[in-house]
Amino acid sequence: MTGQVERRVLVVDDDERVRTVVRWRLEADGFLVTQAENGRAAAAEIAGCTPDLVVLDLSLPGLDGLDVLRLVRQDDLLRRARLPVLVLSGRDGEEERITGLELGADDYLVKPFSPEELAARVRSVLRRSSPPPVAPGLRLDATHHRVTVNGRTVELTGKEFDLLAFFARHPRQVFTREQLLRAVWQAPPGMQSEATVTEHVHRLRHKVRADPARPHWLRTVRGVGYSWEPAG
């Protein structure tokens, strides 16, 4: 199924009224919002299904917001990707702000807050943290295994995604089918048919271009293999 990208935001606050206001405002902007009322529930949500952004209160029962932020940044090292965090807190002292930002918060908004300002800051943080396009109109999000073409989500198999990610990391380099089998499939010579690469490239072209007859990005180098041409 294809369509516009639905960004997921996790709202963490022990005040149900705050969670309701934030959820209502962000859902009005088209975000998919999940909620957690304490730090341990937030950590479980993040570990179970990584959101695109976390709105995080600092004053949480048990595991407080700063502890959650530390856990998020530790997990970033394991995932090799950075989860954006917007701190939403009643702590308005300079020391608290500095601590939150030094621990890796992307923004800090003090309560009471304007729902409109919160939504604007969420959009701003997501823009700053979005993966850069790997070609005009094409974005590849390795954290969530998501690919979009002009804002439209494209469903790829795991190996198709791996192949696209490999090409995107090596623009304008020409690779033989044997080299791609070794790099993407980790297949020793002779263990897998080169026709596998041909078939995956064929399917990838049909999925990531509106006009597969004009592949633009994924170019066949006759007699050699393939190369990725991000300029189109």
Protein backbone atom coordinates (compact mmCIF):
# COMPACT_ATOMS: atom_id res chain seq x y z
CA MET A 1 0.00 0.00 0.00
CA THR A 2 1.34 3.41 -0.94
CA GLY A 3 0.49 6.93 0.18
CA GLN A 4 1.80 9.94 2.04
CA VAL A 5 4.33 9.28 4.78
CA GLU A 6 2.69 9.13 8.22
CA ARG A 7 5.17 10.35 10.82
CA ARG A 8 4.91 8.78 14.28
CA VAL A 9 5.25 10.92 17.40
CA LEU A 10 5.46 9.50 20.93
CA VAL A 11 4.10 11.88 23.58
CA VAL A 12 5.44 11.19 27.09
CA ASP A 13 3.78 13.05 29.97
CA ASP A 14 2.22 11.99 33.27
CA ASP A 15 -0.54 14.61 32.86
CA GLU A 16 -3.36 13.16 30.79
CA ARG A 17 -4.66 16.63 29.91
CA VAL A 18 -1.31 17.59 28.39
CA ARG A 19 -1.14 14.33 26.42
CA THR A 20 -4.65 14.92 25.11
CA VAL A 21 -3.92 18.49 23.96
CA VAL A 22 -0.67 17.49 22.27
CA ARG A 23 -2.24 14.44 20.61
CA TRP A 24 -5.20 16.50 19.32
CA ARG A 25 -2.94 19.20 17.88
CA LEU A 26 -0.46 16.85 16.22
CA GLU A 27 -3.15 14.57 14.81
CA ALA A 28 -4.70 17.67 13.21
CA ASP A 29 -1.38 18.01 11.34
CA GLY A 30 -1.55 14.41 10.15
CA PHE A 31 0.81 12.81 12.65
CA LEU A 32 0.22 9.36 14.11
CA VAL A 33 0.43 9.87 17.89
CA THR A 34 1.12 7.28 20.59
CA GLN A 35 1.30 8.05 24.30
CA ALA A 36 3.15 7.01 27.45
CA GLU A 37 2.44 8.24 30.98
CA ASN A 38 5.79 7.40 32.59
CA GLY A 39 9.43 6.82 31.75
CA ARG A 40 9.38 3.03 31.74
CA ALA A 41 6.39 2.93 29.38
CA ALA A 42 8.19 5.43 27.13
CA ALA A 43 11.34 3.30 27.05
CA ALA A 44 9.27 0.24 26.12
CA GLU A 45 7.48 2.13 23.33
CA ILE A 46 10.77 3.40 21.89
CA ALA A 47 12.38 -0.03 22.02
CA GLY A 48 9.34 -1.80 20.58
CA CYS A 49 8.53 0.49 17.67
CA THR A 50 10.87 3.43 17.17
CA PRO A 51 8.89 6.65 16.55
CA ASP A 52 10.02 9.48 14.30
CA LEU A 53 10.11 11.94 17.22
CA VAL A 54 9.53 11.98 20.99
CA VAL A 55 7.83 14.81 22.89
CA LEU A 56 9.24 14.23 26.37
CA ASP A 57 8.24 15.69 29.74
CA LEU A 58 11.09 15.80 32.28
CA SER A 59 9.02 15.39 35.47
CA LEU A 60 7.98 11.77 35.20
CA PRO A 61 7.33 9.29 38.01
CA GLY A 62 9.99 6.63 38.51
CA LEU A 63 12.27 6.90 35.50
CA ASP A 64 12.34 10.65 34.86
CA GLY A 65 12.65 12.41 31.52
CA LEU A 66 16.39 12.98 31.73
CA ASP A 67 16.89 9.26 32.35
CA VAL A 68 14.72 8.47 29.32
CA LEU A 69 16.77 10.93 27.24
CA ARG A 70 20.01 9.21 28.33
CA LEU A 71 18.57 5.82 27.34
CA VAL A 72 17.48 7.18 23.96
CA ARG A 73 20.93 8.51 23.17
CA GLN A 74 22.55 5.22 24.27
CA ASP A 75 20.16 3.34 22.00
CA ASP A 76 21.04 5.71 19.14
CA LEU A 77 24.59 4.33 19.23
CA LEU A 78 23.28 0.79 18.81
CA ARG A 79 20.88 1.72 16.01
CA ARG A 80 23.43 4.03 14.36
CA ALA A 81 20.64 6.58 13.93
CA ARG A 82 19.47 9.57 15.95
CA LEU A 83 15.94 9.77 17.35
CA PRO A 84 14.76 13.42 17.60
CA VAL A 85 13.55 14.51 21.05
CA LEU A 86 11.62 17.67 21.92
CA VAL A 87 11.60 18.30 25.67
CA LEU A 88 8.33 19.67 27.04
CA SER A 89 8.77 20.70 30.66
CA GLY A 90 7.63 22.92 33.49
CA ARG A 91 11.28 23.32 34.49
CA ASP A 92 12.15 26.72 33.07
CA GLY A 93 15.48 27.33 34.82
CA GLU A 94 18.61 27.86 32.75
CA GLU A 95 20.35 24.88 34.37
CA GLU A 96 17.53 22.50 33.41
CA ARG A 97 17.51 23.77 29.84
CA ILE A 98 21.28 23.40 29.52
CA THR A 99 21.19 19.89 31.02
CA GLY A 100 18.46 18.78 28.62
CA LEU A 101 20.23 20.20 25.58
CA GLU A 102 23.61 18.79 26.61
CA LEU A 103 22.05 15.34 26.99
CA GLY A 104 20.90 15.55 23.40
CA ALA A 105 17.47 17.20 23.31
CA ASP A 106 16.81 18.76 19.91
CA ASP A 107 14.54 21.47 21.32
CA TYR A 108 13.17 22.60 24.69
CA LEU A 109 9.68 24.06 25.19
CA VAL A 110 8.51 25.31 28.58
CA LYS A 111 5.01 24.77 30.01
CA PRO A 112 2.52 26.34 29.72
CA PHE A 113 2.87 26.25 25.96
CA SER A 114 0.95 27.12 22.84
CA PRO A 115 -0.21 24.00 20.96
CA GLU A 116 0.47 25.86 17.71
CA GLU A 117 4.05 26.60 18.75
CA LEU A 118 4.53 22.97 19.79
CA ALA A 119 3.32 21.75 16.39
CA ALA A 120 5.60 24.22 14.62
CA ARG A 121 8.60 23.08 16.66
CA VAL A 122 7.81 19.41 15.97
CA ARG A 123 7.75 20.12 12.23
CA SER A 124 11.00 22.11 12.50
CA VAL A 125 12.85 19.35 14.40
CA LEU A 126 11.66 16.73 11.91
CA ARG A 127 12.82 18.85 8.98
CA ARG A 128 16.26 19.22 10.51
CA SER A 129 16.54 15.51 11.29
CA SER A 130 15.04 14.10 8.09
CA PRO A 131 17.42 12.02 5.98
CA PRO A 132 18.71 13.96 2.99
CA PRO A 133 17.40 12.93 -0.43
CA VAL A 134 19.58 10.37 -2.19
CA ALA A 135 18.24 11.66 -5.51
CA PRO A 136 15.74 14.39 -6.45
CA GLY A 137 12.46 13.45 -4.75
CA LEU A 138 13.82 10.18 -3.35
CA ARG A 139 14.42 9.73 0.39
CA LEU A 140 15.75 6.66 2.13
CA ASP A 141 15.25 6.34 5.90
CA ALA A 142 17.54 3.58 7.18
CA THR A 143 16.17 3.85 10.74
CA HIS A 144 12.65 2.84 9.76
CA HIS A 145 13.46 0.98 6.52
CA ARG A 146 11.29 3.46 4.65
CA VAL A 147 11.60 4.85 1.13
CA THR A 148 9.56 7.70 -0.32
CA VAL A 149 9.38 9.12 -3.83
CA ASN A 150 7.97 12.66 -3.91
CA GLY A 151 6.33 12.02 -0.54
CA ARG A 152 4.79 8.71 -1.63
CA THR A 153 5.76 5.66 0.40
CA VAL A 154 7.28 2.86 -1.67
CA GLU A 155 7.11 -0.67 -0.30
CA LEU A 156 10.36 -2.58 -0.81
CA THR A 157 11.42 -6.04 0.25
CA GLY A 158 14.36 -6.27 2.64
CA LYS A 159 16.82 -7.13 -0.12
CA GLU A 160 15.47 -4.43 -2.45
CA PHE A 161 15.99 -1.90 0.33
CA ASP A 162 19.54 -3.17 0.95
CA LEU A 163 20.33 -2.92 -2.75
CA LEU A 164 18.99 0.64 -2.98
CA ALA A 165 20.90 1.67 0.16
CA PHE A 166 24.12 0.22 -1.26
CA PHE A 167 23.73 2.11 -4.53
CA ALA A 168 22.91 5.32 -2.65
CA ARG A 169 26.12 5.00 -0.61
CA HIS A 170 28.19 4.64 -3.78
CA PRO A 171 26.89 7.14 -6.34
CA ARG A 172 28.29 7.05 -9.88
CA GLN A 173 30.35 3.93 -9.23
CA VAL A 174 29.87 1.02 -11.62
CA PHE A 175 29.38 -2.42 -10.07
CA THR A 176 29.27 -5.79 -11.75
CA ARG A 177 26.56 -8.27 -10.80
CA GLU A 178 29.18 -10.41 -9.07
CA GLN A 179 30.30 -7.45 -6.96
CA LEU A 180 26.70 -6.70 -5.99
CA LEU A 181 26.11 -10.33 -5.02
CA ARG A 182 29.12 -10.18 -2.70
CA ALA A 183 28.30 -6.75 -1.23
CA VAL A 184 24.51 -6.96 -0.82
CA TRP A 185 23.79 -10.70 -0.64
CA GLN A 186 27.13 -11.65 0.98
CA ALA A 187 27.16 -14.54 -1.49
CA PRO A 188 30.48 -16.27 -2.28
CA PRO A 189 31.30 -16.59 -6.02
CA GLY A 190 29.19 -19.23 -7.72
CA MET A 191 26.76 -19.63 -4.80
CA GLN A 192 23.99 -17.47 -6.29
CA SER A 193 22.98 -16.65 -9.86
CA GLU A 194 23.76 -13.20 -11.25
CA ALA A 195 20.21 -13.27 -12.60
CA THR A 196 19.14 -12.54 -9.01
CA VAL A 197 20.71 -9.10 -9.28
CA THR A 198 19.12 -8.46 -12.67
CA GLU A 199 15.66 -9.31 -11.31
CA HIS A 200 16.07 -7.13 -8.20
CA VAL A 201 17.28 -4.17 -10.25
CA HIS A 202 14.30 -4.60 -12.59
CA ARG A 203 11.83 -4.60 -9.67
CA LEU A 204 13.58 -1.69 -7.96
CA ARG A 205 13.31 0.45 -11.07
CA HIS A 206 9.58 -0.17 -11.30
CA LYS A 207 9.07 0.76 -7.67
CA VAL A 208 11.18 3.90 -7.30
CA ARG A 209 10.40 5.59 -10.62
CA ALA A 210 7.07 6.74 -11.98
CA ASP A 211 8.32 5.87 -15.46
CA PRO A 212 10.39 2.64 -15.35
CA ALA A 213 11.16 2.96 -19.05
CA ARG A 214 13.26 6.04 -18.13
CA PRO A 215 15.12 4.78 -15.06
CA HIS A 216 17.29 7.90 -14.67
CA TRP A 217 18.82 6.95 -11.32
CA LEU A 218 19.65 3.28 -11.81
CA ARG A 219 21.66 3.04 -15.02
CA THR A 220 22.68 -0.09 -16.90
CA VAL A 221 26.30 -0.01 -18.06
CA ARG A 222 26.23 -2.36 -21.02
CA GLY A 223 28.61 -5.30 -20.69
CA VAL A 224 29.58 -4.33 -17.12
CA GLY A 225 26.75 -3.88 -14.62
CA TYR A 226 24.94 -0.97 -12.96
CA SER A 227 25.59 2.44 -11.48
CA TRP A 228 23.57 4.92 -9.41
CA GLU A 229 23.20 8.38 -10.99
CA PRO A 230 21.51 10.61 -8.38
CA ALA A 231 21.25 13.65 -10.65
CA GLY A 232 18.84 11.73 -12.88
